[in-house]
Amino acid sequence: MNKEILVVDDQPGIQLLLKDVLINEGYNVTTAKTGQEALDHLYRHPFDLIILDYRLPVIDGAQVLKQLEMDGIHIPSILMSGLIEGLEIDMKSYRFVKEVVAKPFNVLEFCEMVKSILDS
């Protein structure tokens, strides 16, 4: 069975890039552009991994992670941000964040990271 990945980013270019690359790697990919849309997907469908932008409209990535933890939903996550300084320290309190990635990122390295998280 293919692994299910939720990609959450408000930038259509990043969404499309990650969706295309991850589908080519054999994963099933769902996309969302807001934190609320991400939560709606997560409450309706099980995912194996969340790739989540830190800065999102209305509900940001940190709020999505807090809500999931409060609701007992434990899904490995990769957090992305254009502003990485200070973010890693902030994210250590979220035990399901497996990686924090700065944008722009190397697509091949990103795919290896995804594979490593999903295979563990």
PDB file of N, CA and C in Angstrom:
ATOM      1  N   MET A   1       0.837  -1.196   0.000  1.00  0.00           N
ATOM      2  CA  MET A   1       0.000   0.000   0.000  1.00  0.00           C
ATOM      3  C   MET A   1       0.878   1.256   0.000  1.00  0.00           C
ATOM      4  N   ASN A   2       0.503   2.223  -0.804  1.00  0.00           N
ATOM      5  CA  ASN A   2       1.272   3.468  -0.879  1.00  0.00           C
ATOM      6  C   ASN A   2       1.073   4.301   0.377  1.00  0.00           C
ATOM      7  N   LYS A   3       2.117   4.985   0.763  1.00  0.00           N
ATOM      8  CA  LYS A   3       2.051   5.882   1.915  1.00  0.00           C
ATOM      9  C   LYS A   3       1.293   7.148   1.536  1.00  0.00           C
ATOM     10  N   GLU A   4       0.555   7.686   2.500  1.00  0.00           N
ATOM     11  CA  GLU A   4      -0.257   8.889   2.300  1.00  0.00           C
ATOM     12  C   GLU A   4       0.456  10.091   2.907  1.00  0.00           C
ATOM     13  N   ILE A   5       0.644  11.130   2.095  1.00  0.00           N
ATOM     14  CA  ILE A   5       1.330  12.339   2.545  1.00  0.00           C
ATOM     15  C   ILE A   5       0.418  13.541   2.340  1.00  0.00           C
ATOM     16  N   LEU A   6       0.346  14.395   3.357  1.00  0.00           N
ATOM     17  CA  LEU A   6      -0.370  15.665   3.255  1.00  0.00           C
ATOM     18  C   LEU A   6       0.658  16.780   3.142  1.00  0.00           C
ATOM     19  N   VAL A   7       0.601  17.538   2.036  1.00  0.00           N
ATOM     20  CA  VAL A   7       1.486  18.683   1.811  1.00  0.00           C
ATOM     21  C   VAL A   7       0.668  19.946   2.057  1.00  0.00           C
ATOM     22  N   VAL A   8       1.132  20.774   3.013  1.00  0.00           N
ATOM     23  CA  VAL A   8       0.411  21.994   3.370  1.00  0.00           C
ATOM     24  C   VAL A   8       1.314  23.194   3.136  1.00  0.00           C
ATOM     25  N   ASP A   9       0.970  23.982   2.127  1.00  0.00           N
ATOM     26  CA  ASP A   9       1.735  25.193   1.816  1.00  0.00           C
ATOM     27  C   ASP A   9       0.829  26.140   1.053  1.00  0.00           C
ATOM     28  N   ASP A  10       0.901  27.437   1.370  1.00  0.00           N
ATOM     29  CA  ASP A  10       0.049  28.408   0.695  1.00  0.00           C
ATOM     30  C   ASP A  10       0.650  28.899  -0.616  1.00  0.00           C
ATOM     31  N   GLN A  11       1.859  28.446  -0.948  1.00  0.00           N
ATOM     32  CA  GLN A  11       2.478  28.808  -2.222  1.00  0.00           C
ATOM     33  C   GLN A  11       2.195  27.702  -3.239  1.00  0.00           C
ATOM     34  N   PRO A  12       1.392  27.999  -4.280  1.00  0.00           N
ATOM     35  CA  PRO A  12       1.036  26.966  -5.261  1.00  0.00           C
ATOM     36  C   PRO A  12       2.248  26.295  -5.913  1.00  0.00           C
ATOM     37  N   GLY A  13       3.327  27.048  -6.133  1.00  0.00           N
ATOM     38  CA  GLY A  13       4.524  26.471  -6.755  1.00  0.00           C
ATOM     39  C   GLY A  13       5.160  25.382  -5.903  1.00  0.00           C
ATOM     40  N   ILE A  14       5.258  25.621  -4.602  1.00  0.00           N
ATOM     41  CA  ILE A  14       5.835  24.623  -3.675  1.00  0.00           C
ATOM     42  C   ILE A  14       4.913  23.408  -3.605  1.00  0.00           C
ATOM     43  N   GLN A  15       3.605  23.667  -3.498  1.00  0.00           N
ATOM     44  CA  GLN A  15       2.628  22.568  -3.461  1.00  0.00           C
ATOM     45  C   GLN A  15       2.771  21.672  -4.677  1.00  0.00           C
ATOM     46  N   LEU A  16       2.789  22.280  -5.857  1.00  0.00           N
ATOM     47  CA  LEU A  16       2.856  21.531  -7.112  1.00  0.00           C
ATOM     48  C   LEU A  16       4.172  20.768  -7.227  1.00  0.00           C
ATOM     49  N   LEU A  17       5.284  21.436  -6.895  1.00  0.00           N
ATOM     50  CA  LEU A  17       6.589  20.786  -6.947  1.00  0.00           C
ATOM     51  C   LEU A  17       6.611  19.543  -6.052  1.00  0.00           C
ATOM     52  N   LEU A  18       6.222  19.706  -4.798  1.00  0.00           N
ATOM     53  CA  LEU A  18       6.262  18.571  -3.870  1.00  0.00           C
ATOM     54  C   LEU A  18       5.289  17.474  -4.290  1.00  0.00           C
ATOM     55  N   LYS A  19       4.108  17.863  -4.741  1.00  0.00           N
ATOM     56  CA  LYS A  19       3.129  16.860  -5.178  1.00  0.00           C
ATOM     57  C   LYS A  19       3.691  16.038  -6.342  1.00  0.00           C
ATOM     58  N   ASP A  20       4.216  16.713  -7.361  1.00  0.00           N
ATOM     59  CA  ASP A  20       4.757  16.004  -8.527  1.00  0.00           C
ATOM     60  C   ASP A  20       5.916  15.088  -8.152  1.00  0.00           C
ATOM     61  N   VAL A  21       6.855  15.618  -7.382  1.00  0.00           N
ATOM     62  CA  VAL A  21       8.040  14.841  -7.001  1.00  0.00           C
ATOM     63  C   VAL A  21       7.641  13.629  -6.155  1.00  0.00           C
ATOM     64  N   LEU A  22       6.765  13.832  -5.185  1.00  0.00           N
ATOM     65  CA  LEU A  22       6.394  12.735  -4.284  1.00  0.00           C
ATOM     66  C   LEU A  22       5.522  11.688  -4.982  1.00  0.00           C
ATOM     67  N   ILE A  23       4.665  12.114  -5.893  1.00  0.00           N
ATOM     68  CA  ILE A  23       3.882  11.145  -6.675  1.00  0.00           C
ATOM     69  C   ILE A  23       4.825  10.306  -7.536  1.00  0.00           C
ATOM     70  N   ASN A  24       5.831  10.945  -8.129  1.00  0.00           N
ATOM     71  CA  ASN A  24       6.832  10.210  -8.914  1.00  0.00           C
ATOM     72  C   ASN A  24       7.603   9.205  -8.064  1.00  0.00           C
ATOM     73  N   GLU A  25       7.707   9.486  -6.764  1.00  0.00           N
ATOM     74  CA  GLU A  25       8.385   8.563  -5.838  1.00  0.00           C
ATOM     75  C   GLU A  25       7.437   7.439  -5.378  1.00  0.00           C
ATOM     76  N   GLY A  26       6.181   7.504  -5.797  1.00  0.00           N
ATOM     77  CA  GLY A  26       5.240   6.428  -5.485  1.00  0.00           C
ATOM     78  C   GLY A  26       4.311   6.688  -4.313  1.00  0.00           C
ATOM     79  N   TYR A  27       4.281   7.912  -3.812  1.00  0.00           N
ATOM     80  CA  TYR A  27       3.412   8.230  -2.681  1.00  0.00           C
ATOM     81  C   TYR A  27       2.069   8.782  -3.165  1.00  0.00           C
ATOM     82  N   ASN A  28       1.043   8.629  -2.342  1.00  0.00           N
ATOM     83  CA  ASN A  28      -0.239   9.298  -2.567  1.00  0.00           C
ATOM     84  C   ASN A  28      -0.159  10.645  -1.873  1.00  0.00           C
ATOM     85  N   VAL A  29      -0.482  11.716  -2.584  1.00  0.00           N
ATOM     86  CA  VAL A  29      -0.295  13.064  -2.048  1.00  0.00           C
ATOM     87  C   VAL A  29      -1.608  13.846  -2.099  1.00  0.00           C
ATOM     88  N   THR A  30      -1.939  14.455  -0.962  1.00  0.00           N
ATOM     89  CA  THR A  30      -3.061  15.376  -0.849  1.00  0.00           C
ATOM     90  C   THR A  30      -2.466  16.728  -0.500  1.00  0.00           C
ATOM     91  N   THR A  31      -3.047  17.811  -1.020  1.00  0.00           N
ATOM     92  CA  THR A  31      -2.518  19.135  -0.716  1.00  0.00           C
ATOM     93  C   THR A  31      -3.567  19.990  -0.010  1.00  0.00           C
ATOM     94  N   ALA A  32      -3.057  20.945   0.756  1.00  0.00           N
ATOM     95  CA  ALA A  32      -3.896  21.940   1.428  1.00  0.00           C
ATOM     96  C   ALA A  32      -3.135  23.256   1.414  1.00  0.00           C
ATOM     97  N   LYS A  33      -3.869  24.370   1.384  1.00  0.00           N
ATOM     98  CA  LYS A  33      -3.175  25.665   1.340  1.00  0.00           C
ATOM     99  C   LYS A  33      -3.322  26.474   2.617  1.00  0.00           C
ATOM    100  N   THR A  34      -4.131  26.001   3.567  1.00  0.00           N
ATOM    101  CA  THR A  34      -4.268  26.694   4.853  1.00  0.00           C
ATOM    102  C   THR A  34      -4.194  25.677   5.992  1.00  0.00           C
ATOM    103  N   GLY A  35      -3.924  26.191   7.185  1.00  0.00           N
ATOM    104  CA  GLY A  35      -3.911  25.321   8.353  1.00  0.00           C
ATOM    105  C   GLY A  35      -5.273  24.692   8.610  1.00  0.00           C
ATOM    106  N   GLN A  36      -6.341  25.453   8.406  1.00  0.00           N
ATOM    107  CA  GLN A  36      -7.691  24.917   8.621  1.00  0.00           C
ATOM    108  C   GLN A  36      -8.002  23.797   7.631  1.00  0.00           C
ATOM    109  N   GLU A  37      -7.627  24.009   6.372  1.00  0.00           N
ATOM    110  CA  GLU A  37      -7.836  22.979   5.355  1.00  0.00           C
ATOM    111  C   GLU A  37      -7.044  21.713   5.716  1.00  0.00           C
ATOM    112  N   ALA A  38      -5.828  21.902   6.240  1.00  0.00           N
ATOM    113  CA  ALA A  38      -5.014  20.758   6.671  1.00  0.00           C
ATOM    114  C   ALA A  38      -5.718  19.984   7.776  1.00  0.00           C
ATOM    115  N   LEU A  39      -6.222  20.702   8.782  1.00  0.00           N
ATOM    116  CA  LEU A  39      -6.916  20.028   9.889  1.00  0.00           C
ATOM    117  C   LEU A  39      -8.154  19.281   9.385  1.00  0.00           C
ATOM    118  N   ASP A  40      -8.893  19.895   8.463  1.00  0.00           N
ATOM    119  CA  ASP A  40     -10.071  19.223   7.891  1.00  0.00           C
ATOM    120  C   ASP A  40      -9.673  17.894   7.254  1.00  0.00           C
ATOM    121  N   HIS A  41      -8.593  17.891   6.465  1.00  0.00           N
ATOM    122  CA  HIS A  41      -8.108  16.645   5.842  1.00  0.00           C
ATOM    123  C   HIS A  41      -7.691  15.639   6.900  1.00  0.00           C
ATOM    124  N   LEU A  42      -6.958  16.118   7.916  1.00  0.00           N
ATOM    125  CA  LEU A  42      -6.413  15.219   8.936  1.00  0.00           C
ATOM    126  C   LEU A  42      -7.500  14.572   9.791  1.00  0.00           C
ATOM    127  N   TYR A  43      -8.617  15.245   9.970  1.00  0.00           N
ATOM    128  CA  TYR A  43      -9.703  14.669  10.760  1.00  0.00           C
ATOM    129  C   TYR A  43     -10.533  13.671   9.946  1.00  0.00           C
ATOM    130  N   ARG A  44     -10.425  13.743   8.616  1.00  0.00           N
ATOM    131  CA  ARG A  44     -11.225  12.864   7.755  1.00  0.00           C
ATOM    132  C   ARG A  44     -10.452  11.671   7.211  1.00  0.00           C
ATOM    133  N   HIS A  45      -9.127  11.764   7.191  1.00  0.00           N
ATOM    134  CA  HIS A  45      -8.338  10.763   6.470  1.00  0.00           C
ATOM    135  C   HIS A  45      -7.009  10.513   7.197  1.00  0.00           C
ATOM    136  N   PRO A  46      -6.583   9.253   7.307  1.00  0.00           N
ATOM    137  CA  PRO A  46      -5.285   8.984   7.946  1.00  0.00           C
ATOM    138  C   PRO A  46      -4.118   9.275   6.997  1.00  0.00           C
ATOM    139  N   PHE A  47      -3.090   9.925   7.512  1.00  0.00           N
ATOM    140  CA  PHE A  47      -1.888  10.211   6.742  1.00  0.00           C
ATOM    141  C   PHE A  47      -0.689   9.616   7.457  1.00  0.00           C
ATOM    142  N   ASP A  48       0.334   9.265   6.671  1.00  0.00           N
ATOM    143  CA  ASP A  48       1.574   8.717   7.216  1.00  0.00           C
ATOM    144  C   ASP A  48       2.600   9.807   7.499  1.00  0.00           C
ATOM    145  N   LEU A  49       2.434  10.977   6.838  1.00  0.00           N
ATOM    146  CA  LEU A  49       3.391  12.071   6.992  1.00  0.00           C
ATOM    147  C   LEU A  49       2.699  13.383   6.633  1.00  0.00           C
ATOM    148  N   ILE A  50       3.043  14.445   7.383  1.00  0.00           N
ATOM    149  CA  ILE A  50       2.587  15.795   7.055  1.00  0.00           C
ATOM    150  C   ILE A  50       3.824  16.619   6.702  1.00  0.00           C
ATOM    151  N   ILE A  51       3.778  17.300   5.573  1.00  0.00           N
ATOM    152  CA  ILE A  51       4.811  18.268   5.201  1.00  0.00           C
ATOM    153  C   ILE A  51       4.126  19.620   5.326  1.00  0.00           C
ATOM    154  N   LEU A  52       4.566  20.410   6.291  1.00  0.00           N
ATOM    155  CA  LEU A  52       3.803  21.567   6.741  1.00  0.00           C
ATOM    156  C   LEU A  52       4.628  22.843   6.713  1.00  0.00           C
ATOM    157  N   ASP A  53       4.115  23.863   6.051  1.00  0.00           N
ATOM    158  CA  ASP A  53       4.771  25.169   6.071  1.00  0.00           C
ATOM    159  C   ASP A  53       4.496  25.826   7.421  1.00  0.00           C
ATOM    160  N   TYR A  54       5.506  26.509   7.951  1.00  0.00           N
ATOM    161  CA  TYR A  54       5.345  27.185   9.241  1.00  0.00           C
ATOM    162  C   TYR A  54       4.408  28.379   9.137  1.00  0.00           C
ATOM    163  N   ARG A  55       4.558  29.156   8.063  1.00  0.00           N
ATOM    164  CA  ARG A  55       3.736  30.362   7.882  1.00  0.00           C
ATOM    165  C   ARG A  55       2.573  30.057   6.956  1.00  0.00           C
ATOM    166  N   LEU A  56       1.391  29.998   7.515  1.00  0.00           N
ATOM    167  CA  LEU A  56       0.169  29.745   6.755  1.00  0.00           C
ATOM    168  C   LEU A  56      -0.872  30.787   7.142  1.00  0.00           C
ATOM    169  N   PRO A  57      -1.812  31.062   6.227  1.00  0.00           N
ATOM    170  CA  PRO A  57      -2.880  32.007   6.573  1.00  0.00           C
ATOM    171  C   PRO A  57      -3.793  31.449   7.662  1.00  0.00           C
ATOM    172  N   VAL A  58      -4.320  32.300   8.486  1.00  0.00           N
ATOM    173  CA  VAL A  58      -5.306  32.030   9.549  1.00  0.00           C
ATOM    174  C   VAL A  58      -4.737  31.157  10.668  1.00  0.00           C
ATOM    175  N   ILE A  59      -4.499  29.883  10.391  1.00  0.00           N
ATOM    176  CA  ILE A  59      -3.928  28.958  11.378  1.00  0.00           C
ATOM    177  C   ILE A  59      -2.547  28.564  10.869  1.00  0.00           C
ATOM    178  N   ASP A  60      -1.480  28.940  11.589  1.00  0.00           N
ATOM    179  CA  ASP A  60      -0.140  28.625  11.098  1.00  0.00           C
ATOM    180  C   ASP A  60       0.264  27.187  11.436  1.00  0.00           C
ATOM    181  N   GLY A  61       1.428  26.802  10.940  1.00  0.00           N
ATOM    182  CA  GLY A  61       1.896  25.432  11.124  1.00  0.00           C
ATOM    183  C   GLY A  61       2.030  25.019  12.579  1.00  0.00           C
ATOM    184  N   ALA A  62       2.525  25.931  13.417  1.00  0.00           N
ATOM    185  CA  ALA A  62       2.672  25.621  14.846  1.00  0.00           C
ATOM    186  C   ALA A  62       1.306  25.367  15.489  1.00  0.00           C
ATOM    187  N   GLN A  63       0.306  26.146  15.117  1.00  0.00           N
ATOM    188  CA  GLN A  63      -1.042  25.946  15.661  1.00  0.00           C
ATOM    189  C   GLN A  63      -1.635  24.616  15.199  1.00  0.00           C
ATOM    190  N   VAL A  64      -1.361  24.232  13.948  1.00  0.00           N
ATOM    191  CA  VAL A  64      -1.827  22.928  13.452  1.00  0.00           C
ATOM    192  C   VAL A  64      -1.219  21.817  14.300  1.00  0.00           C
ATOM    193  N   LEU A  65       0.097  21.902  14.549  1.00  0.00           N
ATOM    194  CA  LEU A  65       0.767  20.872  15.348  1.00  0.00           C
ATOM    195  C   LEU A  65       0.229  20.828  16.775  1.00  0.00           C
ATOM    196  N   LYS A  66       0.002  21.995  17.369  1.00  0.00           N
ATOM    197  CA  LYS A  66      -0.557  22.046  18.735  1.00  0.00           C
ATOM    198  C   LYS A  66      -1.943  21.393  18.777  1.00  0.00           C
ATOM    199  N   GLN A  67      -2.766  21.700  17.785  1.00  0.00           N
ATOM    200  CA  GLN A  67      -4.121  21.139  17.743  1.00  0.00           C
ATOM    201  C   GLN A  67      -4.077  19.619  17.601  1.00  0.00           C
ATOM    202  N   LEU A  68      -3.204  19.122  16.742  1.00  0.00           N
ATOM    203  CA  LEU A  68      -3.080  17.668  16.566  1.00  0.00           C
ATOM    204  C   LEU A  68      -2.641  16.998  17.863  1.00  0.00           C
ATOM    205  N   GLU A  69      -1.669  17.604  18.553  1.00  0.00           N
ATOM    206  CA  GLU A  69      -1.213  17.028  19.820  1.00  0.00           C
ATOM    207  C   GLU A  69      -2.333  17.039  20.857  1.00  0.00           C
ATOM    208  N   MET A  70      -3.083  18.139  20.922  1.00  0.00           N
ATOM    209  CA  MET A  70      -4.205  18.216  21.882  1.00  0.00           C
ATOM    210  C   MET A  70      -5.259  17.159  21.572  1.00  0.00           C
ATOM    211  N   ASP A  71      -5.432  16.841  20.296  1.00  0.00           N
ATOM    212  CA  ASP A  71      -6.442  15.862  19.888  1.00  0.00           C
ATOM    213  C   ASP A  71      -5.904  14.432  19.858  1.00  0.00           C
ATOM    214  N   GLY A  72      -4.635  14.253  20.234  1.00  0.00           N
ATOM    215  CA  GLY A  72      -4.049  12.911  20.279  1.00  0.00           C
ATOM    216  C   GLY A  72      -3.777  12.317  18.908  1.00  0.00           C
ATOM    217  N   ILE A  73      -3.601  13.166  17.906  1.00  0.00           N
ATOM    218  CA  ILE A  73      -3.285  12.691  16.557  1.00  0.00           C
ATOM    219  C   ILE A  73      -1.771  12.791  16.393  1.00  0.00           C
ATOM    220  N   HIS A  74      -1.144  11.646  16.226  1.00  0.00           N
ATOM    221  CA  HIS A  74       0.321  11.576  16.220  1.00  0.00           C
ATOM    222  C   HIS A  74       0.814  11.158  14.844  1.00  0.00           C
ATOM    223  N   ILE A  75       1.198  12.128  14.042  1.00  0.00           N
ATOM    224  CA  ILE A  75       1.663  11.879  12.677  1.00  0.00           C
ATOM    225  C   ILE A  75       3.039  12.520  12.515  1.00  0.00           C
ATOM    226  N   PRO A  76       4.025  11.757  12.029  1.00  0.00           N
ATOM    227  CA  PRO A  76       5.331  12.362  11.780  1.00  0.00           C
ATOM    228  C   PRO A  76       5.183  13.562  10.847  1.00  0.00           C
ATOM    229  N   SER A  77       5.968  14.605  11.112  1.00  0.00           N
ATOM    230  CA  SER A  77       5.839  15.848  10.350  1.00  0.00           C
ATOM    231  C   SER A  77       7.199  16.397   9.959  1.00  0.00           C
ATOM    232  N   ILE A  78       7.206  17.066   8.802  1.00  0.00           N
ATOM    233  CA  ILE A  78       8.349  17.865   8.370  1.00  0.00           C
ATOM    234  C   ILE A  78       7.836  19.296   8.330  1.00  0.00           C
ATOM    235  N   LEU A  79       8.514  20.176   9.021  1.00  0.00           N
ATOM    236  CA  LEU A  79       8.120  21.583   9.052  1.00  0.00           C
ATOM    237  C   LEU A  79       9.042  22.366   8.134  1.00  0.00           C
ATOM    238  N   MET A  80       8.466  23.181   7.253  1.00  0.00           N
ATOM    239  CA  MET A  80       9.249  23.993   6.316  1.00  0.00           C
ATOM    240  C   MET A  80       9.081  25.465   6.666  1.00  0.00           C
ATOM    241  N   SER A  81      10.150  26.242   6.430  1.00  0.00           N
ATOM    242  CA  SER A  81      10.045  27.673   6.650  1.00  0.00           C
ATOM    243  C   SER A  81      11.110  28.415   5.859  1.00  0.00           C
ATOM    244  N   GLY A  82      10.751  29.599   5.406  1.00  0.00           N
ATOM    245  CA  GLY A  82      11.719  30.482   4.775  1.00  0.00           C
ATOM    246  C   GLY A  82      12.581  31.171   5.821  1.00  0.00           C
ATOM    247  N   LEU A  83      12.100  31.228   7.060  1.00  0.00           N
ATOM    248  CA  LEU A  83      12.821  31.859   8.167  1.00  0.00           C
ATOM    249  C   LEU A  83      13.166  30.794   9.191  1.00  0.00           C
ATOM    250  N   ILE A  84      14.323  30.178   9.050  1.00  0.00           N
ATOM    251  CA  ILE A  84      14.669  29.020   9.871  1.00  0.00           C
ATOM    252  C   ILE A  84      15.296  29.385  11.216  1.00  0.00           C
ATOM    253  N   GLU A  85      15.926  30.564  11.332  1.00  0.00           N
ATOM    254  CA  GLU A  85      16.593  30.940  12.576  1.00  0.00           C
ATOM    255  C   GLU A  85      15.600  30.948  13.737  1.00  0.00           C
ATOM    256  N   GLY A  86      15.955  30.267  14.799  1.00  0.00           N
ATOM    257  CA  GLY A  86      15.119  30.229  15.990  1.00  0.00           C
ATOM    258  C   GLY A  86      13.978  29.233  15.910  1.00  0.00           C
ATOM    259  N   LEU A  87      13.684  28.767  14.715  1.00  0.00           N
ATOM    260  CA  LEU A  87      12.543  27.872  14.535  1.00  0.00           C
ATOM    261  C   LEU A  87      12.806  26.488  15.112  1.00  0.00           C
ATOM    262  N   GLU A  88      14.015  25.963  14.943  1.00  0.00           N
ATOM    263  CA  GLU A  88      14.308  24.620  15.432  1.00  0.00           C
ATOM    264  C   GLU A  88      14.152  24.534  16.949  1.00  0.00           C
ATOM    265  N   ILE A  89      14.599  25.553  17.661  1.00  0.00           N
ATOM    266  CA  ILE A  89      14.462  25.569  19.118  1.00  0.00           C
ATOM    267  C   ILE A  89      12.981  25.553  19.487  1.00  0.00           C
ATOM    268  N   ASP A  90      12.228  26.359  18.785  1.00  0.00           N
ATOM    269  CA  ASP A  90      10.786  26.437  18.968  1.00  0.00           C
ATOM    270  C   ASP A  90      10.119  25.080  18.762  1.00  0.00           C
ATOM    271  N   MET A  91      10.567  24.341  17.759  1.00  0.00           N
ATOM    272  CA  MET A  91       9.891  23.119  17.349  1.00  0.00           C
ATOM    273  C   MET A  91      10.263  21.905  18.186  1.00  0.00           C
ATOM    274  N   LYS A  92      11.260  22.007  19.039  1.00  0.00           N
ATOM    275  CA  LYS A  92      11.636  20.845  19.849  1.00  0.00           C
ATOM    276  C   LYS A  92      10.523  20.420  20.791  1.00  0.00           C
ATOM    277  N   SER A  93       9.596  21.311  21.068  1.00  0.00           N
ATOM    278  CA  SER A  93       8.485  20.956  21.940  1.00  0.00           C
ATOM    279  C   SER A  93       7.450  20.095  21.217  1.00  0.00           C
ATOM    280  N   TYR A  94       7.567  19.985  19.913  1.00  0.00           N
ATOM    281  CA  TYR A  94       6.639  19.146  19.137  1.00  0.00           C
ATOM    282  C   TYR A  94       7.331  17.835  18.828  1.00  0.00           C
ATOM    283  N   ARG A  95       6.973  16.792  19.531  1.00  0.00           N
ATOM    284  CA  ARG A  95       7.730  15.551  19.408  1.00  0.00           C
ATOM    285  C   ARG A  95       7.517  14.815  18.092  1.00  0.00           C
ATOM    286  N   PHE A  96       6.515  15.187  17.314  1.00  0.00           N
ATOM    287  CA  PHE A  96       6.281  14.499  16.049  1.00  0.00           C
ATOM    288  C   PHE A  96       6.910  15.227  14.866  1.00  0.00           C
ATOM    289  N   VAL A  97       7.567  16.363  15.117  1.00  0.00           N
ATOM    290  CA  VAL A  97       8.309  17.039  14.062  1.00  0.00           C
ATOM    291  C   VAL A  97       9.642  16.310  13.931  1.00  0.00           C
ATOM    292  N   LYS A  98       9.824  15.649  12.800  1.00  0.00           N
ATOM    293  CA  LYS A  98      11.033  14.857  12.570  1.00  0.00           C
ATOM    294  C   LYS A  98      12.154  15.685  11.957  1.00  0.00           C
ATOM    295  N   GLU A  99      11.796  16.693  11.160  1.00  0.00           N
ATOM    296  CA  GLU A  99      12.789  17.540  10.508  1.00  0.00           C
ATOM    297  C   GLU A  99      12.241  18.952  10.367  1.00  0.00           C
ATOM    298  N   VAL A 100      13.143  19.926  10.389  1.00  0.00           N
ATOM    299  CA  VAL A 100      12.812  21.315  10.078  1.00  0.00           C
ATOM    300  C   VAL A 100      13.662  21.685   8.871  1.00  0.00           C
ATOM    301  N   VAL A 101      13.003  22.130   7.803  1.00  0.00           N
ATOM    302  CA  VAL A 101      13.673  22.356   6.524  1.00  0.00           C
ATOM    303  C   VAL A 101      13.548  23.820   6.117  1.00  0.00           C
ATOM    304  N   ALA A 102      14.675  24.391   5.693  1.00  0.00           N
ATOM    305  CA  ALA A 102      14.669  25.769   5.202  1.00  0.00           C
ATOM    306  C   ALA A 102      14.307  25.783   3.716  1.00  0.00           C
ATOM    307  N   LYS A 103      13.485  26.759   3.338  1.00  0.00           N
ATOM    308  CA  LYS A 103      13.211  26.983   1.916  1.00  0.00           C
ATOM    309  C   LYS A 103      14.221  27.992   1.403  1.00  0.00           C
ATOM    310  N   PRO A 104      14.702  27.867   0.196  1.00  0.00           N
ATOM    311  CA  PRO A 104      14.487  26.749  -0.727  1.00  0.00           C
ATOM    312  C   PRO A 104      15.293  25.528  -0.282  1.00  0.00           C
ATOM    313  N   PHE A 105      14.889  24.365  -0.739  1.00  0.00           N
ATOM    314  CA  PHE A 105      15.543  23.126  -0.335  1.00  0.00           C
ATOM    315  C   PHE A 105      15.951  22.323  -1.566  1.00  0.00           C
ATOM    316  N   ASN A 106      16.862  21.388  -1.359  1.00  0.00           N
ATOM    317  CA  ASN A 106      17.302  20.479  -2.410  1.00  0.00           C
ATOM    318  C   ASN A 106      16.257  19.369  -2.525  1.00  0.00           C
ATOM    319  N   VAL A 107      15.650  19.227  -3.691  1.00  0.00           N
ATOM    320  CA  VAL A 107      14.552  18.278  -3.885  1.00  0.00           C
ATOM    321  C   VAL A 107      15.006  16.836  -3.659  1.00  0.00           C
ATOM    322  N   LEU A 108      16.190  16.481  -4.152  1.00  0.00           N
ATOM    323  CA  LEU A 108      16.674  15.107  -3.972  1.00  0.00           C
ATOM    324  C   LEU A 108      16.899  14.793  -2.494  1.00  0.00           C
ATOM    325  N   GLU A 109      17.510  15.730  -1.765  1.00  0.00           N
ATOM    326  CA  GLU A 109      17.725  15.534  -0.324  1.00  0.00           C
ATOM    327  C   GLU A 109      16.382  15.464   0.401  1.00  0.00           C
ATOM    328  N   PHE A 110      15.423  16.269  -0.033  1.00  0.00           N
ATOM    329  CA  PHE A 110      14.102  16.272   0.585  1.00  0.00           C
ATOM    330  C   PHE A 110      13.430  14.901   0.409  1.00  0.00           C
ATOM    331  N   CYS A 111      13.531  14.340  -0.804  1.00  0.00           N
ATOM    332  CA  CYS A 111      12.949  13.015  -1.060  1.00  0.00           C
ATOM    333  C   CYS A 111      13.592  11.942  -0.189  1.00  0.00           C
ATOM    334  N   GLU A 112      14.908  12.024  -0.027  1.00  0.00           N
ATOM    335  CA  GLU A 112      15.607  11.070   0.836  1.00  0.00           C
ATOM    336  C   GLU A 112      15.130  11.204   2.289  1.00  0.00           C
ATOM    337  N   MET A 113      14.913  12.433   2.723  1.00  0.00           N
ATOM    338  CA  MET A 113      14.417  12.681   4.082  1.00  0.00           C
ATOM    339  C   MET A 113      13.027  12.050   4.258  1.00  0.00           C
ATOM    340  N   VAL A 114      12.157  12.269   3.286  1.00  0.00           N
ATOM    341  CA  VAL A 114      10.804  11.710   3.349  1.00  0.00           C
ATOM    342  C   VAL A 114      10.874  10.186   3.424  1.00  0.00           C
ATOM    343  N   LYS A 115      11.675   9.592   2.548  1.00  0.00           N
ATOM    344  CA  LYS A 115      11.814   8.132   2.530  1.00  0.00           C
ATOM    345  C   LYS A 115      12.331   7.615   3.869  1.00  0.00           C
ATOM    346  N   SER A 116      13.334   8.287   4.405  1.00  0.00           N
ATOM    347  CA  SER A 116      13.912   7.886   5.687  1.00  0.00           C
ATOM    348  C   SER A 116      12.873   7.939   6.819  1.00  0.00           C
ATOM    349  N   ILE A 117      12.085   8.988   6.857  1.00  0.00           N
ATOM    350  CA  ILE A 117      11.055   9.112   7.903  1.00  0.00           C
ATOM    351  C   ILE A 117       9.995   8.034   7.735  1.00  0.00           C
ATOM    352  N   LEU A 118       9.543   7.806   6.512  1.00  0.00           N
ATOM    353  CA  LEU A 118       8.474   6.829   6.278  1.00  0.00           C
ATOM    354  C   LEU A 118       8.947   5.391   6.446  1.00  0.00           C
ATOM    355  N   ASP A 119      10.227   5.149   6.257  1.00  0.00           N
ATOM    356  CA  ASP A 119      10.769   3.785   6.409  1.00  0.00           C
ATOM    357  C   ASP A 119      11.111   3.464   7.858  1.00  0.00           C
ATOM    358  N   SER A 120      11.138   4.483   8.732  1.00  0.00           N
ATOM    359  CA  SER A 120      11.560   4.217  10.120  1.00  0.00           C
ATOM    360  C   SER A 120      10.407   3.722  10.973  1.00  0.00           C
TER     361      SER A 120
END
